[in-house]
């Protein structure tokens, strides 16, 4: 019987829903790994991660299922765990160190997408505020965080000269500014397969009842605050054949190109915005998307008719050695 250690980021005391969600993932993945006949145990990762991973190495699991999304709720530290797993030659699931580092940084992701001529919104650092155009809409984002952490309705703004001081005060190492694509939003999940990566059915985030002055984005409230207007009115839909075939094909092509360009493995999600002319723009490559039962990734695999145990088998078969 194979032995698997599920590694996850141990939530801090007083953690909010976005951080606590990993506990649901651990339970869900653990239950389904056991259905595959795998002996499962878990270990939470904290700021003492070097010693914690050393202890895992001493336990000699056959592989690690890596669910570490952050350390002490800092997304920019998540790649330390696969780096240590590499050092100890412990096989682990999901994306490799290099892919996690590149995609966790939204600034690096945007740079690489541009270098490979893959459509993405123009991206600026706060120190480049002089390049912004008055009257144009932008969105400001934290570079290293996922799960919409740091994204609010106020993140979207129409630039005016009086915004310069506020934006210049932001740290170039932690914030970016991008052109805001005011259109539809799609989440495209991809999982590994024996014949190569497979794109799951496209999920569209639909914004019901939003007033004209409310930005149609999946911000922190929409993702995590259950009694908020944004949460109740931001709905995941699978439009299927209702998507223009040309747009559908283009979205799938972009997702697969991201898989190859960033060296993705196991599973990933590519988020896109589509403008009024049906031009898709990649806004995020998520190399460690949520795997809870109600997550976008798992919803997409269910829509494709793939059982969770099959999803996990395909991820394990694409494991990092």
C-alpha atoms as a PDB file:
ATOM      1  CA  UNK A   1       0.000   0.000   0.000  1.00  0.00           C
ATOM      2  CA  UNK A   2       1.379   3.409  -0.961  1.00  0.00           C
ATOM      3  CA  UNK A   3       1.756   6.034   1.758  1.00  0.00           C
ATOM      4  CA  UNK A   4       0.937   9.685   1.054  1.00  0.00           C
ATOM      5  CA  UNK A   5       1.488  12.740   3.227  1.00  0.00           C
ATOM      6  CA  UNK A   6      -0.871  15.612   2.454  1.00  0.00           C
ATOM      7  CA  UNK A   7       0.971  18.846   3.132  1.00  0.00           C
ATOM      8  CA  UNK A   8      -1.120  21.965   3.695  1.00  0.00           C
ATOM      9  CA  UNK A   9      -0.662  25.480   4.999  1.00  0.00           C
ATOM     10  CA  UNK A  10      -1.677  25.457   8.679  1.00  0.00           C
ATOM     11  CA  UNK A  11      -4.170  28.328   9.127  1.00  0.00           C
ATOM     12  CA  UNK A  12      -3.151  31.014  11.584  1.00  0.00           C
ATOM     13  CA  UNK A  13      -5.199  31.709  14.702  1.00  0.00           C
ATOM     14  CA  UNK A  14      -8.204  33.835  13.746  1.00  0.00           C
ATOM     15  CA  UNK A  15      -7.857  32.888  10.066  1.00  0.00           C
ATOM     16  CA  UNK A  16     -10.533  34.029   7.612  1.00  0.00           C
ATOM     17  CA  UNK A  17     -12.492  31.823   5.212  1.00  0.00           C
ATOM     18  CA  UNK A  18      -9.939  32.066   2.402  1.00  0.00           C
ATOM     19  CA  UNK A  19      -7.227  30.541   4.602  1.00  0.00           C
ATOM     20  CA  UNK A  20      -9.486  28.004   6.362  1.00  0.00           C
ATOM     21  CA  UNK A  21     -10.647  26.613   3.008  1.00  0.00           C
ATOM     22  CA  UNK A  22      -7.517  24.466   2.814  1.00  0.00           C
ATOM     23  CA  UNK A  23      -8.817  22.295   5.677  1.00  0.00           C
ATOM     24  CA  UNK A  24     -11.807  21.311   3.557  1.00  0.00           C
ATOM     25  CA  UNK A  25      -9.446  20.487   0.713  1.00  0.00           C
ATOM     26  CA  UNK A  26      -7.354  18.257   2.974  1.00  0.00           C
ATOM     27  CA  UNK A  27     -10.401  16.290   4.114  1.00  0.00           C
ATOM     28  CA  UNK A  28     -11.819  15.931   0.598  1.00  0.00           C
ATOM     29  CA  UNK A  29      -8.556  14.886  -1.054  1.00  0.00           C
ATOM     30  CA  UNK A  30      -7.686  12.560   1.828  1.00  0.00           C
ATOM     31  CA  UNK A  31     -11.012  10.729   1.668  1.00  0.00           C
ATOM     32  CA  UNK A  32     -10.682  10.174  -2.062  1.00  0.00           C
ATOM     33  CA  UNK A  33      -7.032   9.104  -1.941  1.00  0.00           C
ATOM     34  CA  UNK A  34      -8.082   6.455   0.580  1.00  0.00           C
ATOM     35  CA  UNK A  35     -10.687   5.221  -1.909  1.00  0.00           C
ATOM     36  CA  UNK A  36      -7.731   4.548  -4.222  1.00  0.00           C
ATOM     37  CA  UNK A  37      -6.204   2.306  -1.563  1.00  0.00           C
ATOM     38  CA  UNK A  38      -3.586   4.859  -0.457  1.00  0.00           C
ATOM     39  CA  UNK A  39      -2.579   5.236   3.197  1.00  0.00           C
ATOM     40  CA  UNK A  40      -2.979   8.943   3.992  1.00  0.00           C
ATOM     41  CA  UNK A  41      -1.692  11.152   6.781  1.00  0.00           C
ATOM     42  CA  UNK A  42      -1.487  14.938   6.994  1.00  0.00           C
ATOM     43  CA  UNK A  43       0.912  17.617   8.163  1.00  0.00           C
ATOM     44  CA  UNK A  44       0.324  21.335   8.481  1.00  0.00           C
ATOM     45  CA  UNK A  45       3.104  23.666   7.361  1.00  0.00           C
ATOM     46  CA  UNK A  46       4.003  26.735   9.444  1.00  0.00           C
ATOM     47  CA  UNK A  47       6.883  29.201   9.633  1.00  0.00           C
ATOM     48  CA  UNK A  48       8.921  26.221  10.878  1.00  0.00           C
ATOM     49  CA  UNK A  49       8.620  24.682   7.421  1.00  0.00           C
ATOM     50  CA  UNK A  50      12.292  23.662   7.010  1.00  0.00           C
ATOM     51  CA  UNK A  51      12.128  21.351  10.030  1.00  0.00           C
ATOM     52  CA  UNK A  52       8.613  20.190   9.156  1.00  0.00           C
ATOM     53  CA  UNK A  53       9.615  19.083   5.660  1.00  0.00           C
ATOM     54  CA  UNK A  54      12.751  17.432   7.100  1.00  0.00           C
ATOM     55  CA  UNK A  55      10.481  15.404   9.390  1.00  0.00           C
ATOM     56  CA  UNK A  56       8.380  14.363   6.390  1.00  0.00           C
ATOM     57  CA  UNK A  57      11.554  13.246   4.616  1.00  0.00           C
ATOM     58  CA  UNK A  58      12.448  11.086   7.616  1.00  0.00           C
ATOM     59  CA  UNK A  59       8.997   9.452   7.472  1.00  0.00           C
ATOM     60  CA  UNK A  60       9.671   8.376   3.852  1.00  0.00           C
ATOM     61  CA  UNK A  61       6.190   8.678   2.316  1.00  0.00           C
ATOM     62  CA  UNK A  62       5.873   7.348  -1.223  1.00  0.00           C
ATOM     63  CA  UNK A  63       4.728  10.799  -2.282  1.00  0.00           C
ATOM     64  CA  UNK A  64       3.385  14.092  -0.992  1.00  0.00           C
ATOM     65  CA  UNK A  65       0.112  15.624  -2.109  1.00  0.00           C
ATOM     66  CA  UNK A  66       1.023  19.303  -1.991  1.00  0.00           C
ATOM     67  CA  UNK A  67      -1.828  21.601  -0.931  1.00  0.00           C
ATOM     68  CA  UNK A  68       0.410  24.352   0.479  1.00  0.00           C
ATOM     69  CA  UNK A  69      -0.951  27.658  -0.856  1.00  0.00           C
ATOM     70  CA  UNK A  70       0.978  29.977   1.456  1.00  0.00           C
ATOM     71  CA  UNK A  71       3.101  30.068   4.589  1.00  0.00           C
ATOM     72  CA  UNK A  72       1.811  32.256   7.437  1.00  0.00           C
ATOM     73  CA  UNK A  73      -0.760  33.468   4.891  1.00  0.00           C
ATOM     74  CA  UNK A  74       1.971  34.836   2.605  1.00  0.00           C
ATOM     75  CA  UNK A  75       1.529  33.549  -0.920  1.00  0.00           C
ATOM     76  CA  UNK A  76       5.033  34.589  -1.961  1.00  0.00           C
ATOM     77  CA  UNK A  77       6.473  31.831   0.267  1.00  0.00           C
ATOM     78  CA  UNK A  78       4.523  28.895  -1.181  1.00  0.00           C
ATOM     79  CA  UNK A  79       7.320  27.754  -3.501  1.00  0.00           C
ATOM     80  CA  UNK A  80       9.675  27.020  -0.559  1.00  0.00           C
ATOM     81  CA  UNK A  81       7.857  23.741   0.096  1.00  0.00           C
ATOM     82  CA  UNK A  82       8.382  22.209  -3.370  1.00  0.00           C
ATOM     83  CA  UNK A  83      11.978  23.483  -3.247  1.00  0.00           C
ATOM     84  CA  UNK A  84      12.552  21.472  -0.062  1.00  0.00           C
ATOM     85  CA  UNK A  85      10.701  18.457  -1.453  1.00  0.00           C
ATOM     86  CA  UNK A  86      13.057  18.624  -4.445  1.00  0.00           C
ATOM     87  CA  UNK A  87      16.052  18.809  -2.117  1.00  0.00           C
ATOM     88  CA  UNK A  88      14.960  15.662  -0.275  1.00  0.00           C
ATOM     89  CA  UNK A  89      13.966  13.910  -3.540  1.00  0.00           C
ATOM     90  CA  UNK A  90      10.400  13.410  -2.320  1.00  0.00           C
ATOM     91  CA  UNK A  91       7.896  12.948  -5.183  1.00  0.00           C
ATOM     92  CA  UNK A  92       5.056  15.459  -4.950  1.00  0.00           C
ATOM     93  CA  UNK A  93       1.813  16.222  -6.757  1.00  0.00           C
ATOM     94  CA  UNK A  94       0.828  19.275  -8.707  1.00  0.00           C
ATOM     95  CA  UNK A  95       3.080  21.861 -10.238  1.00  0.00           C
ATOM     96  CA  UNK A  96       6.861  21.906  -9.917  1.00  0.00           C
ATOM     97  CA  UNK A  97       8.882  24.534  -8.103  1.00  0.00           C
ATOM     98  CA  UNK A  98       9.638  26.596 -11.211  1.00  0.00           C
ATOM     99  CA  UNK A  99       6.019  26.784 -12.357  1.00  0.00           C
ATOM    100  CA  UNK A 100       4.787  27.723  -8.875  1.00  0.00           C
ATOM    101  CA  UNK A 101       7.341  30.508  -8.519  1.00  0.00           C
ATOM    102  CA  UNK A 102       6.668  32.012 -11.949  1.00  0.00           C
ATOM    103  CA  UNK A 103       2.890  31.889 -11.758  1.00  0.00           C
ATOM    104  CA  UNK A 104       2.589  33.008  -8.135  1.00  0.00           C
ATOM    105  CA  UNK A 105       4.163  36.300  -9.215  1.00  0.00           C
ATOM    106  CA  UNK A 106       1.573  38.102 -11.327  1.00  0.00           C
ATOM    107  CA  UNK A 107       4.324  40.449 -12.523  1.00  0.00           C
ATOM    108  CA  UNK A 108       6.504  37.581 -13.812  1.00  0.00           C
ATOM    109  CA  UNK A 109       3.458  35.862 -15.305  1.00  0.00           C
ATOM    110  CA  UNK A 110       2.517  38.990 -17.260  1.00  0.00           C
ATOM    111  CA  UNK A 111       6.108  39.410 -18.485  1.00  0.00           C
ATOM    112  CA  UNK A 112       6.346  35.811 -19.688  1.00  0.00           C
ATOM    113  CA  UNK A 113       2.936  35.938 -21.369  1.00  0.00           C
ATOM    114  CA  UNK A 114       3.984  39.073 -23.248  1.00  0.00           C
ATOM    115  CA  UNK A 115       7.305  37.510 -24.293  1.00  0.00           C
ATOM    116  CA  UNK A 116       5.399  34.553 -25.755  1.00  0.00           C
ATOM    117  CA  UNK A 117       2.884  36.786 -27.527  1.00  0.00           C
ATOM    118  CA  UNK A 118      -0.003  35.494 -25.422  1.00  0.00           C
ATOM    119  CA  UNK A 119      -2.717  38.099 -24.930  1.00  0.00           C
ATOM    120  CA  UNK A 120      -2.685  39.638 -21.456  1.00  0.00           C
ATOM    121  CA  UNK A 121      -3.611  43.120 -20.214  1.00  0.00           C
ATOM    122  CA  UNK A 122      -0.836  45.711 -20.308  1.00  0.00           C
ATOM    123  CA  UNK A 123       0.901  45.662 -16.943  1.00  0.00           C
ATOM    124  CA  UNK A 124       2.627  48.461 -15.023  1.00  0.00           C
ATOM    125  CA  UNK A 125       4.469  48.831 -11.750  1.00  0.00           C
ATOM    126  CA  UNK A 126       3.347  51.603  -9.385  1.00  0.00           C
ATOM    127  CA  UNK A 127       6.557  53.515 -10.187  1.00  0.00           C
ATOM    128  CA  UNK A 128       5.411  53.625 -13.835  1.00  0.00           C
ATOM    129  CA  UNK A 129       2.255  55.567 -13.006  1.00  0.00           C
ATOM    130  CA  UNK A 130       3.341  58.207 -15.525  1.00  0.00           C
ATOM    131  CA  UNK A 131       2.463  55.706 -18.282  1.00  0.00           C
ATOM    132  CA  UNK A 132      -1.200  55.507 -17.255  1.00  0.00           C
ATOM    133  CA  UNK A 133      -3.727  57.399 -19.370  1.00  0.00           C
ATOM    134  CA  UNK A 134      -6.287  59.721 -17.761  1.00  0.00           C
ATOM    135  CA  UNK A 135      -9.832  58.469 -18.333  1.00  0.00           C
ATOM    136  CA  UNK A 136      -8.784  54.832 -18.847  1.00  0.00           C
ATOM    137  CA  UNK A 137      -9.821  52.063 -16.432  1.00  0.00           C
ATOM    138  CA  UNK A 138      -7.250  50.005 -14.578  1.00  0.00           C
ATOM    139  CA  UNK A 139      -7.132  47.422 -11.813  1.00  0.00           C
ATOM    140  CA  UNK A 140      -4.503  47.280  -9.067  1.00  0.00           C
ATOM    141  CA  UNK A 141      -3.572  43.818  -7.757  1.00  0.00           C
ATOM    142  CA  UNK A 142      -1.241  42.293  -5.164  1.00  0.00           C
ATOM    143  CA  UNK A 143       1.566  40.485  -6.993  1.00  0.00           C
ATOM    144  CA  UNK A 144       1.904  37.417  -4.785  1.00  0.00           C
ATOM    145  CA  UNK A 145      -1.572  36.611  -3.442  1.00  0.00           C
ATOM    146  CA  UNK A 146      -4.316  34.423  -4.887  1.00  0.00           C
ATOM    147  CA  UNK A 147      -7.899  33.675  -3.872  1.00  0.00           C
ATOM    148  CA  UNK A 148      -8.779  37.339  -4.580  1.00  0.00           C
ATOM    149  CA  UNK A 149      -6.921  38.389  -1.439  1.00  0.00           C
ATOM    150  CA  UNK A 150      -6.386  42.141  -1.631  1.00  0.00           C
ATOM    151  CA  UNK A 151      -8.951  42.610  -4.421  1.00  0.00           C
ATOM    152  CA  UNK A 152     -11.970  44.838  -3.688  1.00  0.00           C
ATOM    153  CA  UNK A 153     -14.399  46.881  -5.759  1.00  0.00           C
ATOM    154  CA  UNK A 154     -12.056  49.835  -5.182  1.00  0.00           C
ATOM    155  CA  UNK A 155      -9.252  47.959  -6.959  1.00  0.00           C
ATOM    156  CA  UNK A 156     -10.844  49.015 -10.259  1.00  0.00           C
ATOM    157  CA  UNK A 157     -10.519  52.721 -10.986  1.00  0.00           C
ATOM    158  CA  UNK A 158     -10.606  55.276 -13.768  1.00  0.00           C
ATOM    159  CA  UNK A 159      -7.238  56.988 -13.720  1.00  0.00           C
ATOM    160  CA  UNK A 160      -6.982  60.709 -13.020  1.00  0.00           C
ATOM    161  CA  UNK A 161      -3.881  62.752 -12.189  1.00  0.00           C
ATOM    162  CA  UNK A 162      -4.920  62.986  -8.545  1.00  0.00           C
ATOM    163  CA  UNK A 163      -4.429  59.187  -8.297  1.00  0.00           C
ATOM    164  CA  UNK A 164      -0.676  59.479  -8.893  1.00  0.00           C
ATOM    165  CA  UNK A 165       0.449  59.933  -5.280  1.00  0.00           C
ATOM    166  CA  UNK A 166      -1.762  57.085  -4.030  1.00  0.00           C
ATOM    167  CA  UNK A 167      -0.419  54.681  -6.642  1.00  0.00           C
ATOM    168  CA  UNK A 168       3.216  55.758  -6.301  1.00  0.00           C
ATOM    169  CA  UNK A 169       2.973  54.955  -2.585  1.00  0.00           C
ATOM    170  CA  UNK A 170       2.505  51.264  -3.446  1.00  0.00           C
ATOM    171  CA  UNK A 171       5.534  48.984  -3.393  1.00  0.00           C
ATOM    172  CA  UNK A 172       6.748  47.744  -6.809  1.00  0.00           C
ATOM    173  CA  UNK A 173       7.642  44.389  -5.246  1.00  0.00           C
ATOM    174  CA  UNK A 174       4.083  43.746  -4.067  1.00  0.00           C
ATOM    175  CA  UNK A 175       1.670  45.484  -6.471  1.00  0.00           C
ATOM    176  CA  UNK A 176       0.933  45.746 -10.185  1.00  0.00           C
ATOM    177  CA  UNK A 177      -1.513  47.822 -12.205  1.00  0.00           C
ATOM    178  CA  UNK A 178      -3.166  46.391 -15.313  1.00  0.00           C
ATOM    179  CA  UNK A 179      -5.516  47.584 -18.005  1.00  0.00           C
ATOM    180  CA  UNK A 180      -8.995  46.591 -16.878  1.00  0.00           C
ATOM    181  CA  UNK A 181     -10.776  44.353 -19.395  1.00  0.00           C
ATOM    182  CA  UNK A 182     -14.414  45.244 -18.858  1.00  0.00           C
ATOM    183  CA  UNK A 183     -16.109  42.112 -20.183  1.00  0.00           C
ATOM    184  CA  UNK A 184     -16.851  38.456 -19.494  1.00  0.00           C
ATOM    185  CA  UNK A 185     -14.713  36.323 -17.186  1.00  0.00           C
ATOM    186  CA  UNK A 186     -13.862  32.664 -17.729  1.00  0.00           C
ATOM    187  CA  UNK A 187     -12.046  30.108 -15.568  1.00  0.00           C
ATOM    188  CA  UNK A 188     -10.426  27.338 -17.598  1.00  0.00           C
ATOM    189  CA  UNK A 189      -9.299  24.248 -15.704  1.00  0.00           C
ATOM    190  CA  UNK A 190      -6.730  21.864 -17.164  1.00  0.00           C
ATOM    191  CA  UNK A 191      -5.723  18.443 -15.835  1.00  0.00           C
ATOM    192  CA  UNK A 192      -2.997  16.055 -16.901  1.00  0.00           C
ATOM    193  CA  UNK A 193      -3.749  12.925 -18.904  1.00  0.00           C
ATOM    194  CA  UNK A 194      -1.811  10.050 -20.399  1.00  0.00           C
ATOM    195  CA  UNK A 195      -2.135  11.595 -23.852  1.00  0.00           C
ATOM    196  CA  UNK A 196      -1.387  15.112 -22.601  1.00  0.00           C
ATOM    197  CA  UNK A 197      -3.194  17.920 -20.768  1.00  0.00           C
ATOM    198  CA  UNK A 198      -6.967  18.080 -21.169  1.00  0.00           C
ATOM    199  CA  UNK A 199      -9.004  21.278 -21.018  1.00  0.00           C
ATOM    200  CA  UNK A 200     -12.158  21.008 -18.936  1.00  0.00           C
ATOM    201  CA  UNK A 201     -15.467  22.728 -19.839  1.00  0.00           C
ATOM    202  CA  UNK A 202     -15.159  26.505 -19.613  1.00  0.00           C
ATOM    203  CA  UNK A 203     -16.715  28.090 -16.520  1.00  0.00           C
ATOM    204  CA  UNK A 204     -18.049  31.632 -16.842  1.00  0.00           C
ATOM    205  CA  UNK A 205     -18.421  33.885 -13.819  1.00  0.00           C
ATOM    206  CA  UNK A 206     -21.769  35.643 -14.237  1.00  0.00           C
ATOM    207  CA  UNK A 207     -22.479  38.852 -12.325  1.00  0.00           C
ATOM    208  CA  UNK A 208     -26.205  39.156 -11.614  1.00  0.00           C
ATOM    209  CA  UNK A 209     -27.918  42.367 -10.475  1.00  0.00           C
ATOM    210  CA  UNK A 210     -24.686  44.387 -10.423  1.00  0.00           C
ATOM    211  CA  UNK A 211     -25.305  48.129 -10.652  1.00  0.00           C
ATOM    212  CA  UNK A 212     -23.685  49.911 -13.585  1.00  0.00           C
ATOM    213  CA  UNK A 213     -21.064  51.493 -11.311  1.00  0.00           C
ATOM    214  CA  UNK A 214     -20.036  48.143  -9.727  1.00  0.00           C
ATOM    215  CA  UNK A 215     -17.034  46.475 -11.370  1.00  0.00           C
ATOM    216  CA  UNK A 216     -17.843  42.959 -12.543  1.00  0.00           C
ATOM    217  CA  UNK A 217     -14.945  41.163 -10.897  1.00  0.00           C
ATOM    218  CA  UNK A 218     -14.512  38.212  -8.558  1.00  0.00           C
ATOM    219  CA  UNK A 219     -13.228  40.185  -5.587  1.00  0.00           C
ATOM    220  CA  UNK A 220     -12.653  38.966  -2.024  1.00  0.00           C
ATOM    221  CA  UNK A 221     -16.303  39.463  -1.061  1.00  0.00           C
ATOM    222  CA  UNK A 222     -17.557  37.552  -4.103  1.00  0.00           C
ATOM    223  CA  UNK A 223     -15.277  34.649  -3.305  1.00  0.00           C
ATOM    224  CA  UNK A 224     -15.435  34.410   0.486  1.00  0.00           C
ATOM    225  CA  UNK A 225     -17.999  36.631   2.293  1.00  0.00           C
ATOM    226  CA  UNK A 226     -21.129  34.483   2.190  1.00  0.00           C
ATOM    227  CA  UNK A 227     -23.695  37.077   3.296  1.00  0.00           C
ATOM    228  CA  UNK A 228     -22.438  39.762   0.895  1.00  0.00           C
ATOM    229  CA  UNK A 229     -24.224  40.963  -2.238  1.00  0.00           C
ATOM    230  CA  UNK A 230     -21.173  40.057  -4.312  1.00  0.00           C
ATOM    231  CA  UNK A 231     -21.075  36.453  -3.050  1.00  0.00           C
ATOM    232  CA  UNK A 232     -24.775  35.846  -3.596  1.00  0.00           C
ATOM    233  CA  UNK A 233     -24.810  37.382  -7.087  1.00  0.00           C
ATOM    234  CA  UNK A 234     -21.568  36.082  -8.570  1.00  0.00           C
ATOM    235  CA  UNK A 235     -22.497  32.723 -10.073  1.00  0.00           C
ATOM    236  CA  UNK A 236     -20.395  30.086 -11.830  1.00  0.00           C
ATOM    237  CA  UNK A 237     -22.025  28.891 -15.049  1.00  0.00           C
ATOM    238  CA  UNK A 238     -21.003  26.382 -17.691  1.00  0.00           C
ATOM    239  CA  UNK A 239     -22.351  27.873 -20.935  1.00  0.00           C
ATOM    240  CA  UNK A 240     -21.138  25.003 -23.136  1.00  0.00           C
ATOM    241  CA  UNK A 241     -22.341  25.363 -26.725  1.00  0.00           C
ATOM    242  CA  UNK A 242     -23.599  28.876 -25.997  1.00  0.00           C
ATOM    243  CA  UNK A 243     -20.020  30.141 -26.301  1.00  0.00           C
ATOM    244  CA  UNK A 244     -19.075  31.271 -29.789  1.00  0.00           C
ATOM    245  CA  UNK A 245     -17.114  28.304 -31.260  1.00  0.00           C
ATOM    246  CA  UNK A 246     -14.289  30.591 -32.378  1.00  0.00           C
ATOM    247  CA  UNK A 247     -13.980  32.081 -28.891  1.00  0.00           C
ATOM    248  CA  UNK A 248     -14.216  28.632 -27.294  1.00  0.00           C
ATOM    249  CA  UNK A 249     -11.409  27.312 -29.471  1.00  0.00           C
ATOM    250  CA  UNK A 250      -9.251  30.375 -28.750  1.00  0.00           C
ATOM    251  CA  UNK A 251      -9.780  30.046 -24.979  1.00  0.00           C
ATOM    252  CA  UNK A 252      -8.796  26.373 -25.044  1.00  0.00           C
ATOM    253  CA  UNK A 253      -5.719  27.102 -27.162  1.00  0.00           C
ATOM    254  CA  UNK A 254      -4.560  29.804 -24.761  1.00  0.00           C
ATOM    255  CA  UNK A 255      -5.008  27.521 -21.755  1.00  0.00           C
ATOM    256  CA  UNK A 256      -2.923  24.775 -23.375  1.00  0.00           C
ATOM    257  CA  UNK A 257      -0.245  27.265 -24.407  1.00  0.00           C
ATOM    258  CA  UNK A 258      -0.020  28.427 -20.790  1.00  0.00           C
ATOM    259  CA  UNK A 259       0.401  24.794 -19.717  1.00  0.00           C
ATOM    260  CA  UNK A 260       3.362  24.403 -22.073  1.00  0.00           C
ATOM    261  CA  UNK A 261       4.966  27.827 -21.607  1.00  0.00           C
ATOM    262  CA  UNK A 262       4.994  27.615 -17.794  1.00  0.00           C
ATOM    263  CA  UNK A 263       5.789  23.899 -17.605  1.00  0.00           C
ATOM    264  CA  UNK A 264       2.604  23.063 -15.718  1.00  0.00           C
ATOM    265  CA  UNK A 265       1.890  19.579 -14.389  1.00  0.00           C
ATOM    266  CA  UNK A 266      -0.959  17.758 -12.689  1.00  0.00           C
ATOM    267  CA  UNK A 267      -3.618  20.442 -12.673  1.00  0.00           C
ATOM    268  CA  UNK A 268      -4.011  24.189 -13.111  1.00  0.00           C
ATOM    269  CA  UNK A 269      -6.543  26.902 -13.853  1.00  0.00           C
ATOM    270  CA  UNK A 270      -6.193  29.765 -16.313  1.00  0.00           C
ATOM    271  CA  UNK A 271      -8.416  32.799 -15.771  1.00  0.00           C
ATOM    272  CA  UNK A 272      -9.337  35.055 -18.685  1.00  0.00           C
ATOM    273  CA  UNK A 273     -11.332  38.182 -19.398  1.00  0.00           C
ATOM    274  CA  UNK A 274     -13.004  38.633 -22.785  1.00  0.00           C
ATOM    275  CA  UNK A 275     -13.627  42.105 -24.204  1.00  0.00           C
ATOM    276  CA  UNK A 276     -16.626  43.303 -26.222  1.00  0.00           C
ATOM    277  CA  UNK A 277     -14.952  42.124 -29.448  1.00  0.00           C
ATOM    278  CA  UNK A 278     -14.549  38.595 -28.032  1.00  0.00           C
ATOM    279  CA  UNK A 279     -10.796  38.920 -27.628  1.00  0.00           C
ATOM    280  CA  UNK A 280      -9.637  36.805 -24.638  1.00  0.00           C
ATOM    281  CA  UNK A 281      -6.925  38.114 -22.297  1.00  0.00           C
ATOM    282  CA  UNK A 282      -5.140  35.931 -19.755  1.00  0.00           C
ATOM    283  CA  UNK A 283      -5.352  37.565 -16.320  1.00  0.00           C
ATOM    284  CA  UNK A 284      -3.963  34.757 -14.146  1.00  0.00           C
ATOM    285  CA  UNK A 285      -2.291  31.363 -14.365  1.00  0.00           C
ATOM    286  CA  UNK A 286      -3.105  29.535 -11.141  1.00  0.00           C
ATOM    287  CA  UNK A 287      -0.730  26.629 -10.567  1.00  0.00           C
ATOM    288  CA  UNK A 288      -2.237  25.580  -7.231  1.00  0.00           C
ATOM    289  CA  UNK A 289      -5.980  26.188  -7.584  1.00  0.00           C
ATOM    290  CA  UNK A 290      -8.361  25.213  -4.813  1.00  0.00           C
ATOM    291  CA  UNK A 291      -9.457  21.560  -4.774  1.00  0.00           C
ATOM    292  CA  UNK A 292     -12.376  21.732  -2.334  1.00  0.00           C
ATOM    293  CA  UNK A 293     -15.611  20.064  -3.509  1.00  0.00           C
ATOM    294  CA  UNK A 294     -17.189  23.389  -4.557  1.00  0.00           C
ATOM    295  CA  UNK A 295     -14.070  24.795  -6.228  1.00  0.00           C
ATOM    296  CA  UNK A 296     -13.959  25.798  -9.876  1.00  0.00           C
ATOM    297  CA  UNK A 297     -11.523  23.019 -10.735  1.00  0.00           C
ATOM    298  CA  UNK A 298     -13.622  20.250  -9.209  1.00  0.00           C
ATOM    299  CA  UNK A 299     -16.852  21.701 -10.630  1.00  0.00           C
ATOM    300  CA  UNK A 300     -15.290  21.665 -14.099  1.00  0.00           C
ATOM    301  CA  UNK A 301     -14.126  18.055 -13.801  1.00  0.00           C
ATOM    302  CA  UNK A 302     -17.611  17.024 -12.641  1.00  0.00           C
ATOM    303  CA  UNK A 303     -19.075  18.861 -15.636  1.00  0.00           C
ATOM    304  CA  UNK A 304     -16.713  16.836 -17.834  1.00  0.00           C
ATOM    305  CA  UNK A 305     -18.006  13.641 -16.197  1.00  0.00           C
ATOM    306  CA  UNK A 306     -14.669  12.744 -14.603  1.00  0.00           C
ATOM    307  CA  UNK A 307     -14.914  11.205 -11.096  1.00  0.00           C
ATOM    308  CA  UNK A 308     -12.713  12.762  -8.442  1.00  0.00           C
ATOM    309  CA  UNK A 309     -10.791   9.516  -7.972  1.00  0.00           C
ATOM    310  CA  UNK A 310      -9.921   9.588 -11.684  1.00  0.00           C
ATOM    311  CA  UNK A 311      -8.830  13.215 -11.392  1.00  0.00           C
ATOM    312  CA  UNK A 312      -6.536  12.279  -8.501  1.00  0.00           C
ATOM    313  CA  UNK A 313      -5.169   9.265 -10.367  1.00  0.00           C
ATOM    314  CA  UNK A 314      -4.289  11.460 -13.336  1.00  0.00           C
ATOM    315  CA  UNK A 315      -2.599  13.995 -11.043  1.00  0.00           C
ATOM    316  CA  UNK A 316      -0.596  11.269  -9.288  1.00  0.00           C
ATOM    317  CA  UNK A 317       0.485   9.794 -12.643  1.00  0.00           C
ATOM    318  CA  UNK A 318       1.920  13.229 -13.550  1.00  0.00           C
ATOM    319  CA  UNK A 319       3.769  13.558 -10.256  1.00  0.00           C
ATOM    320  CA  UNK A 320       7.103  15.401  -9.810  1.00  0.00           C
ATOM    321  CA  UNK A 321      10.108  13.099  -9.167  1.00  0.00           C
END
